[in-house]
Amino acid sequence: MSDPDDKPAALIPKGEPETVQALVARELENVKRGLDLEYRVKEYTDLRDRRRRLLLEASEIKRRMERLEIPPAILTRSSARSSSCAG
């Protein structure tokens, strides 16, 4: 039986291990870039969907506020009163 460490090291041409190592390093960088891109795409998609939901909610709030039909003069007095209470 032969020792597993006595494998074909002699069969690998000079400089070949370095070439393989460089190829593996390059492939790892490509994988990292791919994962980073996937993460950024997912983050963008999540933010886009959240923005759409918020815009829909904001338009619904605006519609509900308009349905109340409060005269602007009352709203102006009300906002002035609110800011004086806050300070």
PDB file of N, CA and C in Angstrom:
ATOM      1  N   MET A   1       0.827  -1.178   0.000  1.00  0.00           N
ATOM      2  CA  MET A   1       0.000   0.000   0.000  1.00  0.00           C
ATOM      3  C   MET A   1       0.872   1.242   0.000  1.00  0.00           C
ATOM      4  N   SER A   2       0.456   2.248  -0.779  1.00  0.00           N
ATOM      5  CA  SER A   2       1.275   3.460  -0.837  1.00  0.00           C
ATOM      6  C   SER A   2       0.678   4.540   0.054  1.00  0.00           C
ATOM      7  N   ASP A   3       1.515   5.436   0.465  1.00  0.00           N
ATOM      8  CA  ASP A   3       1.107   6.547   1.310  1.00  0.00           C
ATOM      9  C   ASP A   3       0.297   7.541   0.459  1.00  0.00           C
ATOM     10  N   PRO A   4      -0.878   8.015   0.955  1.00  0.00           N
ATOM     11  CA  PRO A   4      -1.692   8.943   0.167  1.00  0.00           C
ATOM     12  C   PRO A   4      -0.974  10.255  -0.130  1.00  0.00           C
ATOM     13  N   ASP A   5       0.014  10.601   0.692  1.00  0.00           N
ATOM     14  CA  ASP A   5       0.757  11.835   0.444  1.00  0.00           C
ATOM     15  C   ASP A   5       1.747  11.691  -0.707  1.00  0.00           C
ATOM     16  N   ASP A   6       2.012  10.479  -1.131  1.00  0.00           N
ATOM     17  CA  ASP A   6       2.941  10.238  -2.232  1.00  0.00           C
ATOM     18  C   ASP A   6       2.203  10.237  -3.564  1.00  0.00           C
ATOM     19  N   LYS A   7       1.274  11.171  -3.727  1.00  0.00           N
ATOM     20  CA  LYS A   7       0.476  11.230  -4.953  1.00  0.00           C
ATOM     21  C   LYS A   7       1.232  11.965  -6.036  1.00  0.00           C
ATOM     22  N   PRO A   8       0.594  12.236  -7.096  1.00  0.00           N
ATOM     23  CA  PRO A   8       1.249  12.689  -8.324  1.00  0.00           C
ATOM     24  C   PRO A   8       1.893  14.065  -8.286  1.00  0.00           C
ATOM     25  N   ALA A   9       2.491  14.446  -7.177  1.00  0.00           N
ATOM     26  CA  ALA A   9       3.179  15.733  -7.138  1.00  0.00           C
ATOM     27  C   ALA A   9       4.223  15.812  -8.240  1.00  0.00           C
ATOM     28  N   ALA A  10       4.824  14.719  -8.553  1.00  0.00           N
ATOM     29  CA  ALA A  10       5.844  14.692  -9.602  1.00  0.00           C
ATOM     30  C   ALA A  10       5.221  14.871 -10.980  1.00  0.00           C
ATOM     31  N   LEU A  11       3.916  14.592 -11.106  1.00  0.00           N
ATOM     32  CA  LEU A  11       3.262  14.708 -12.403  1.00  0.00           C
ATOM     33  C   LEU A  11       2.789  16.132 -12.697  1.00  0.00           C
ATOM     34  N   ILE A  12       2.763  16.984 -11.688  1.00  0.00           N
ATOM     35  CA  ILE A  12       2.316  18.358 -11.893  1.00  0.00           C
ATOM     36  C   ILE A  12       3.483  19.166 -12.448  1.00  0.00           C
ATOM     37  N   PRO A  13       3.299  19.743 -13.626  1.00  0.00           N
ATOM     38  CA  PRO A  13       4.394  20.524 -14.223  1.00  0.00           C
ATOM     39  C   PRO A  13       4.750  21.734 -13.367  1.00  0.00           C
ATOM     40  N   LYS A  14       5.971  22.193 -13.517  1.00  0.00           N
ATOM     41  CA  LYS A  14       6.447  23.345 -12.760  1.00  0.00           C
ATOM     42  C   LYS A  14       5.561  24.556 -13.043  1.00  0.00           C
ATOM     43  N   GLY A  15       5.207  25.299 -11.995  1.00  0.00           N
ATOM     44  CA  GLY A  15       4.369  26.483 -12.146  1.00  0.00           C
ATOM     45  C   GLY A  15       2.881  26.180 -12.167  1.00  0.00           C
ATOM     46  N   GLU A  16       2.525  24.917 -12.332  1.00  0.00           N
ATOM     47  CA  GLU A  16       1.106  24.548 -12.414  1.00  0.00           C
ATOM     48  C   GLU A  16       0.357  24.796 -11.103  1.00  0.00           C
ATOM     49  N   PRO A  17       0.909  24.453  -9.938  1.00  0.00           N
ATOM     50  CA  PRO A  17       0.182  24.728  -8.694  1.00  0.00           C
ATOM     51  C   PRO A  17      -0.153  26.220  -8.541  1.00  0.00           C
ATOM     52  N   GLU A  18       0.785  27.076  -8.929  1.00  0.00           N
ATOM     53  CA  GLU A  18       0.540  28.514  -8.839  1.00  0.00           C
ATOM     54  C   GLU A  18      -0.580  28.936  -9.777  1.00  0.00           C
ATOM     55  N   THR A  19      -0.609  28.346 -10.975  1.00  0.00           N
ATOM     56  CA  THR A  19      -1.654  28.659 -11.949  1.00  0.00           C
ATOM     57  C   THR A  19      -3.012  28.229 -11.421  1.00  0.00           C
ATOM     58  N   VAL A  20      -3.075  27.014 -10.870  1.00  0.00           N
ATOM     59  CA  VAL A  20      -4.328  26.514 -10.307  1.00  0.00           C
ATOM     60  C   VAL A  20      -4.759  27.408  -9.147  1.00  0.00           C
ATOM     61  N   GLN A  21      -3.812  27.778  -8.311  1.00  0.00           N
ATOM     62  CA  GLN A  21      -4.117  28.640  -7.169  1.00  0.00           C
ATOM     63  C   GLN A  21      -4.666  29.990  -7.647  1.00  0.00           C
ATOM     64  N   ALA A  22      -4.080  30.538  -8.691  1.00  0.00           N
ATOM     65  CA  ALA A  22      -4.560  31.814  -9.235  1.00  0.00           C
ATOM     66  C   ALA A  22      -5.963  31.657  -9.813  1.00  0.00           C
ATOM     67  N   LEU A  23      -6.214  30.540 -10.500  1.00  0.00           N
ATOM     68  CA  LEU A  23      -7.545  30.296 -11.065  1.00  0.00           C
ATOM     69  C   LEU A  23      -8.592  30.158  -9.963  1.00  0.00           C
ATOM     70  N   VAL A  24      -8.242  29.434  -8.911  1.00  0.00           N
ATOM     71  CA  VAL A  24      -9.163  29.254  -7.784  1.00  0.00           C
ATOM     72  C   VAL A  24      -9.436  30.607  -7.121  1.00  0.00           C
ATOM     73  N   ALA A  25      -8.401  31.404  -6.917  1.00  0.00           N
ATOM     74  CA  ALA A  25      -8.569  32.726  -6.298  1.00  0.00           C
ATOM     75  C   ALA A  25      -9.469  33.609  -7.161  1.00  0.00           C
ATOM     76  N   ARG A  26      -9.266  33.555  -8.484  1.00  0.00           N
ATOM     77  CA  ARG A  26     -10.101  34.349  -9.389  1.00  0.00           C
ATOM     78  C   ARG A  26     -11.555  33.888  -9.332  1.00  0.00           C
ATOM     79  N   GLU A  27     -11.746  32.577  -9.306  1.00  0.00           N
ATOM     80  CA  GLU A  27     -13.111  32.039  -9.243  1.00  0.00           C
ATOM     81  C   GLU A  27     -13.784  32.428  -7.926  1.00  0.00           C
ATOM     82  N   LEU A  28     -13.036  32.388  -6.821  1.00  0.00           N
ATOM     83  CA  LEU A  28     -13.592  32.817  -5.533  1.00  0.00           C
ATOM     84  C   LEU A  28     -14.005  34.289  -5.576  1.00  0.00           C
ATOM     85  N   GLU A  29     -13.196  35.128  -6.204  1.00  0.00           N
ATOM     86  CA  GLU A  29     -13.549  36.545  -6.348  1.00  0.00           C
ATOM     87  C   GLU A  29     -14.823  36.701  -7.162  1.00  0.00           C
ATOM     88  N   ASN A  30     -14.959  35.908  -8.234  1.00  0.00           N
ATOM     89  CA  ASN A  30     -16.178  35.963  -9.053  1.00  0.00           C
ATOM     90  C   ASN A  30     -17.401  35.556  -8.241  1.00  0.00           C
ATOM     91  N   VAL A  31     -17.249  34.525  -7.420  1.00  0.00           N
ATOM     92  CA  VAL A  31     -18.357  34.067  -6.576  1.00  0.00           C
ATOM     93  C   VAL A  31     -18.731  35.164  -5.577  1.00  0.00           C
ATOM     94  N   LYS A  32     -17.717  35.783  -4.955  1.00  0.00           N
ATOM     95  CA  LYS A  32     -17.976  36.868  -4.002  1.00  0.00           C
ATOM     96  C   LYS A  32     -18.710  38.017  -4.678  1.00  0.00           C
ATOM     97  N   ARG A  33     -18.246  38.401  -5.880  1.00  0.00           N
ATOM     98  CA  ARG A  33     -18.911  39.486  -6.607  1.00  0.00           C
ATOM     99  C   ARG A  33     -20.346  39.114  -6.940  1.00  0.00           C
ATOM    100  N   GLY A  34     -20.551  37.860  -7.331  1.00  0.00           N
ATOM    101  CA  GLY A  34     -21.899  37.398  -7.648  1.00  0.00           C
ATOM    102  C   GLY A  34     -22.814  37.447  -6.442  1.00  0.00           C
ATOM    103  N   LEU A  35     -22.303  37.010  -5.296  1.00  0.00           N
ATOM    104  CA  LEU A  35     -23.100  37.051  -4.067  1.00  0.00           C
ATOM    105  C   LEU A  35     -23.405  38.488  -3.662  1.00  0.00           C
ATOM    106  N   ASP A  36     -22.416  39.367  -3.806  1.00  0.00           N
ATOM    107  CA  ASP A  36     -22.618  40.772  -3.472  1.00  0.00           C
ATOM    108  C   ASP A  36     -23.687  41.377  -4.374  1.00  0.00           C
ATOM    109  N   LEU A  37     -23.631  41.059  -5.650  1.00  0.00           N
ATOM    110  CA  LEU A  37     -24.630  41.567  -6.589  1.00  0.00           C
ATOM    111  C   LEU A  37     -26.016  41.034  -6.242  1.00  0.00           C
ATOM    112  N   GLU A  38     -26.106  39.752  -5.925  1.00  0.00           N
ATOM    113  CA  GLU A  38     -27.395  39.164  -5.535  1.00  0.00           C
ATOM    114  C   GLU A  38     -27.952  39.868  -4.296  1.00  0.00           C
ATOM    115  N   TYR A  39     -27.089  40.135  -3.326  1.00  0.00           N
ATOM    116  CA  TYR A  39     -27.525  40.818  -2.103  1.00  0.00           C
ATOM    117  C   TYR A  39     -28.047  42.215  -2.437  1.00  0.00           C
ATOM    118  N   ARG A  40     -27.294  42.946  -3.280  1.00  0.00           N
ATOM    119  CA  ARG A  40     -27.709  44.306  -3.624  1.00  0.00           C
ATOM    120  C   ARG A  40     -29.012  44.315  -4.407  1.00  0.00           C
ATOM    121  N   VAL A  41     -29.197  43.342  -5.299  1.00  0.00           N
ATOM    122  CA  VAL A  41     -30.450  43.255  -6.059  1.00  0.00           C
ATOM    123  C   VAL A  41     -31.613  42.976  -5.113  1.00  0.00           C
ATOM    124  N   LYS A  42     -31.409  42.058  -4.166  1.00  0.00           N
ATOM    125  CA  LYS A  42     -32.473  41.746  -3.201  1.00  0.00           C
ATOM    126  C   LYS A  42     -32.794  42.968  -2.349  1.00  0.00           C
ATOM    127  N   GLU A  43     -31.770  43.657  -1.879  1.00  0.00           N
ATOM    128  CA  GLU A  43     -31.973  44.864  -1.070  1.00  0.00           C
ATOM    129  C   GLU A  43     -32.742  45.913  -1.874  1.00  0.00           C
ATOM    130  N   TYR A  44     -32.358  46.107  -3.132  1.00  0.00           N
ATOM    131  CA  TYR A  44     -33.045  47.078  -3.990  1.00  0.00           C
ATOM    132  C   TYR A  44     -34.511  46.690  -4.172  1.00  0.00           C
ATOM    133  N   THR A  45     -34.756  45.412  -4.437  1.00  0.00           N
ATOM    134  CA  THR A  45     -36.125  44.929  -4.638  1.00  0.00           C
ATOM    135  C   THR A  45     -36.958  45.132  -3.377  1.00  0.00           C
ATOM    136  N   ASP A  46     -36.385  44.807  -2.227  1.00  0.00           N
ATOM    137  CA  ASP A  46     -37.094  45.001  -0.955  1.00  0.00           C
ATOM    138  C   ASP A  46     -37.427  46.476  -0.727  1.00  0.00           C
ATOM    139  N   LEU A  47     -36.454  47.353  -0.983  1.00  0.00           N
ATOM    140  CA  LEU A  47     -36.684  48.785  -0.793  1.00  0.00           C
ATOM    141  C   LEU A  47     -37.718  49.316  -1.783  1.00  0.00           C
ATOM    142  N   ARG A  48     -37.660  48.842  -3.029  1.00  0.00           N
ATOM    143  CA  ARG A  48     -38.635  49.267  -4.036  1.00  0.00           C
ATOM    144  C   ARG A  48     -40.050  48.874  -3.614  1.00  0.00           C
ATOM    145  N   ASP A  49     -40.194  47.633  -3.152  1.00  0.00           N
ATOM    146  CA  ASP A  49     -41.508  47.160  -2.711  1.00  0.00           C
ATOM    147  C   ASP A  49     -42.000  47.948  -1.495  1.00  0.00           C
ATOM    148  N   ARG A  50     -41.103  48.222  -0.571  1.00  0.00           N
ATOM    149  CA  ARG A  50     -41.469  48.999   0.624  1.00  0.00           C
ATOM    150  C   ARG A  50     -41.904  50.407   0.228  1.00  0.00           C
ATOM    151  N   ARG A  51     -41.161  51.014  -0.706  1.00  0.00           N
ATOM    152  CA  ARG A  51     -41.501  52.362  -1.178  1.00  0.00           C
ATOM    153  C   ARG A  51     -42.890  52.371  -1.805  1.00  0.00           C
ATOM    154  N   ARG A  52     -43.179  51.368  -2.620  1.00  0.00           N
ATOM    155  CA  ARG A  52     -44.506  51.281  -3.242  1.00  0.00           C
ATOM    156  C   ARG A  52     -45.605  51.193  -2.184  1.00  0.00           C
ATOM    157  N   ARG A  53     -45.377  50.349  -1.170  1.00  0.00           N
ATOM    158  CA  ARG A  53     -46.371  50.219  -0.094  1.00  0.00           C
ATOM    159  C   ARG A  53     -46.569  51.545   0.641  1.00  0.00           C
ATOM    160  N   LEU A  54     -45.460  52.236   0.932  1.00  0.00           N
ATOM    161  CA  LEU A  54     -45.551  53.516   1.636  1.00  0.00           C
ATOM    162  C   LEU A  54     -46.261  54.572   0.794  1.00  0.00           C
ATOM    163  N   LEU A  55     -45.980  54.598  -0.509  1.00  0.00           N
ATOM    164  CA  LEU A  55     -46.661  55.556  -1.384  1.00  0.00           C
ATOM    165  C   LEU A  55     -48.156  55.273  -1.438  1.00  0.00           C
ATOM    166  N   LEU A  56     -48.513  54.002  -1.493  1.00  0.00           N
ATOM    167  CA  LEU A  56     -49.936  53.646  -1.474  1.00  0.00           C
ATOM    168  C   LEU A  56     -50.585  54.073  -0.166  1.00  0.00           C
ATOM    169  N   GLU A  57     -49.888  53.826   0.930  1.00  0.00           N
ATOM    170  CA  GLU A  57     -50.424  54.211   2.237  1.00  0.00           C
ATOM    171  C   GLU A  57     -50.562  55.729   2.335  1.00  0.00           C
ATOM    172  N   ALA A  58     -49.562  56.462   1.838  1.00  0.00           N
ATOM    173  CA  ALA A  58     -49.619  57.924   1.884  1.00  0.00           C
ATOM    174  C   ALA A  58     -50.783  58.455   1.052  1.00  0.00           C
ATOM    175  N   SER A  59     -51.014  57.869  -0.113  1.00  0.00           N
ATOM    176  CA  SER A  59     -52.133  58.341  -0.939  1.00  0.00           C
ATOM    177  C   SER A  59     -53.472  58.020  -0.276  1.00  0.00           C
ATOM    178  N   GLU A  60     -53.552  56.886   0.396  1.00  0.00           N
ATOM    179  CA  GLU A  60     -54.780  56.536   1.120  1.00  0.00           C
ATOM    180  C   GLU A  60     -55.015  57.513   2.273  1.00  0.00           C
ATOM    181  N   ILE A  61     -53.977  57.863   2.996  1.00  0.00           N
ATOM    182  CA  ILE A  61     -54.098  58.832   4.096  1.00  0.00           C
ATOM    183  C   ILE A  61     -54.554  60.182   3.551  1.00  0.00           C
ATOM    184  N   LYS A  62     -53.952  60.607   2.440  1.00  0.00           N
ATOM    185  CA  LYS A  62     -54.332  61.885   1.832  1.00  0.00           C
ATOM    186  C   LYS A  62     -55.809  61.872   1.433  1.00  0.00           C
ATOM    187  N   ARG A  63     -56.260  60.783   0.818  1.00  0.00           N
ATOM    188  CA  ARG A  63     -57.675  60.658   0.433  1.00  0.00           C
ATOM    189  C   ARG A  63     -58.587  60.767   1.652  1.00  0.00           C
ATOM    190  N   ARG A  64     -58.224  60.069   2.720  1.00  0.00           N
ATOM    191  CA  ARG A  64     -59.049  60.093   3.937  1.00  0.00           C
ATOM    192  C   ARG A  64     -59.090  61.492   4.550  1.00  0.00           C
ATOM    193  N   MET A  65     -57.954  62.177   4.535  1.00  0.00           N
ATOM    194  CA  MET A  65     -57.910  63.538   5.079  1.00  0.00           C
ATOM    195  C   MET A  65     -58.774  64.476   4.238  1.00  0.00           C
ATOM    196  N   GLU A  66     -58.718  64.318   2.914  1.00  0.00           N
ATOM    197  CA  GLU A  66     -59.527  65.168   2.028  1.00  0.00           C
ATOM    198  C   GLU A  66     -61.016  64.912   2.225  1.00  0.00           C
ATOM    199  N   ARG A  67     -61.385  63.674   2.503  1.00  0.00           N
ATOM    200  CA  ARG A  67     -62.796  63.333   2.719  1.00  0.00           C
ATOM    201  C   ARG A  67     -63.369  64.014   3.957  1.00  0.00           C
ATOM    202  N   LEU A  68     -62.531  64.388   4.883  1.00  0.00           N
ATOM    203  CA  LEU A  68     -63.000  65.054   6.101  1.00  0.00           C
ATOM    204  C   LEU A  68     -63.491  66.475   5.822  1.00  0.00           C
ATOM    205  N   GLU A  69     -63.059  67.052   4.708  1.00  0.00           N
ATOM    206  CA  GLU A  69     -63.505  68.380   4.260  1.00  0.00           C
ATOM    207  C   GLU A  69     -63.442  69.430   5.365  1.00  0.00           C
ATOM    208  N   ILE A  70     -62.287  69.573   5.970  1.00  0.00           N
ATOM    209  CA  ILE A  70     -62.085  70.586   7.009  1.00  0.00           C
ATOM    210  C   ILE A  70     -61.588  71.863   6.330  1.00  0.00           C
ATOM    211  N   PRO A  71     -62.194  73.005   6.630  1.00  0.00           N
ATOM    212  CA  PRO A  71     -61.756  74.272   6.030  1.00  0.00           C
ATOM    213  C   PRO A  71     -60.297  74.574   6.395  1.00  0.00           C
ATOM    214  N   PRO A  72     -59.525  75.102   5.438  1.00  0.00           N
ATOM    215  CA  PRO A  72     -58.104  75.388   5.683  1.00  0.00           C
ATOM    216  C   PRO A  72     -57.863  76.313   6.872  1.00  0.00           C
ATOM    217  N   ALA A  73     -58.767  77.253   7.128  1.00  0.00           N
ATOM    218  CA  ALA A  73     -58.578  78.185   8.252  1.00  0.00           C
ATOM    219  C   ALA A  73     -58.529  77.439   9.579  1.00  0.00           C
ATOM    220  N   ILE A  74     -59.351  76.431   9.711  1.00  0.00           N
ATOM    221  CA  ILE A  74     -59.352  75.641  10.948  1.00  0.00           C
ATOM    222  C   ILE A  74     -58.046  74.863  11.070  1.00  0.00           C
ATOM    223  N   LEU A  75     -57.578  74.332   9.964  1.00  0.00           N
ATOM    224  CA  LEU A  75     -56.323  73.569   9.990  1.00  0.00           C
ATOM    225  C   LEU A  75     -55.153  74.476  10.349  1.00  0.00           C
ATOM    226  N   THR A  76     -55.154  75.712   9.867  1.00  0.00           N
ATOM    227  CA  THR A  76     -54.076  76.646  10.180  1.00  0.00           C
ATOM    228  C   THR A  76     -54.069  76.963  11.670  1.00  0.00           C
ATOM    229  N   ARG A  77     -55.230  77.234  12.233  1.00  0.00           N
ATOM    230  CA  ARG A  77     -55.326  77.500  13.679  1.00  0.00           C
ATOM    231  C   ARG A  77     -54.891  76.278  14.479  1.00  0.00           C
ATOM    232  N   SER A  78     -55.332  75.118  14.021  1.00  0.00           N
ATOM    233  CA  SER A  78     -55.017  73.875  14.726  1.00  0.00           C
ATOM    234  C   SER A  78     -53.518  73.612  14.726  1.00  0.00           C
ATOM    235  N   SER A  79     -52.847  73.827  13.598  1.00  0.00           N
ATOM    236  CA  SER A  79     -51.407  73.564  13.544  1.00  0.00           C
ATOM    237  C   SER A  79     -50.638  74.594  14.363  1.00  0.00           C
ATOM    238  N   ALA A  80     -51.114  75.843  14.421  1.00  0.00           N
ATOM    239  CA  ALA A  80     -50.453  76.863  15.243  1.00  0.00           C
ATOM    240  C   ALA A  80     -50.586  76.510  16.717  1.00  0.00           C
ATOM    241  N   ARG A  81     -51.748  76.026  17.119  1.00  0.00           N
ATOM    242  CA  ARG A  81     -51.978  75.623  18.500  1.00  0.00           C
ATOM    243  C   ARG A  81     -51.076  74.440  18.864  1.00  0.00           C
ATOM    244  N   SER A  82     -50.948  73.491  17.946  1.00  0.00           N
ATOM    245  CA  SER A  82     -50.119  72.307  18.206  1.00  0.00           C
ATOM    246  C   SER A  82     -48.664  72.688  18.398  1.00  0.00           C
ATOM    247  N   SER A  83     -48.157  73.614  17.576  1.00  0.00           N
ATOM    248  CA  SER A  83     -46.747  73.971  17.696  1.00  0.00           C
ATOM    249  C   SER A  83     -46.482  74.793  18.951  1.00  0.00           C
ATOM    250  N   SER A  84     -47.463  75.559  19.423  1.00  0.00           N
ATOM    251  CA  SER A  84     -47.244  76.317  20.659  1.00  0.00           C
ATOM    252  C   SER A  84     -47.255  75.396  21.874  1.00  0.00           C
ATOM    253  N   CYS A  85     -47.977  74.303  21.805  1.00  0.00           N
ATOM    254  CA  CYS A  85     -48.009  73.335  22.910  1.00  0.00           C
ATOM    255  C   CYS A  85     -46.717  72.535  22.973  1.00  0.00           C
ATOM    256  N   ALA A  86     -46.086  72.331  21.824  1.00  0.00           N
ATOM    257  CA  ALA A  86     -44.893  71.493  21.771  1.00  0.00           C
ATOM    258  C   ALA A  86     -43.689  72.189  22.383  1.00  0.00           C
ATOM    259  N   GLY A  87     -43.627  73.527  22.363  1.00  0.00           N
ATOM    260  CA  GLY A  87     -42.425  74.222  22.780  1.00  0.00           C
ATOM    261  C   GLY A  87     -42.483  74.683  24.162  1.00  0.00           C
TER     262      GLY A  87
END
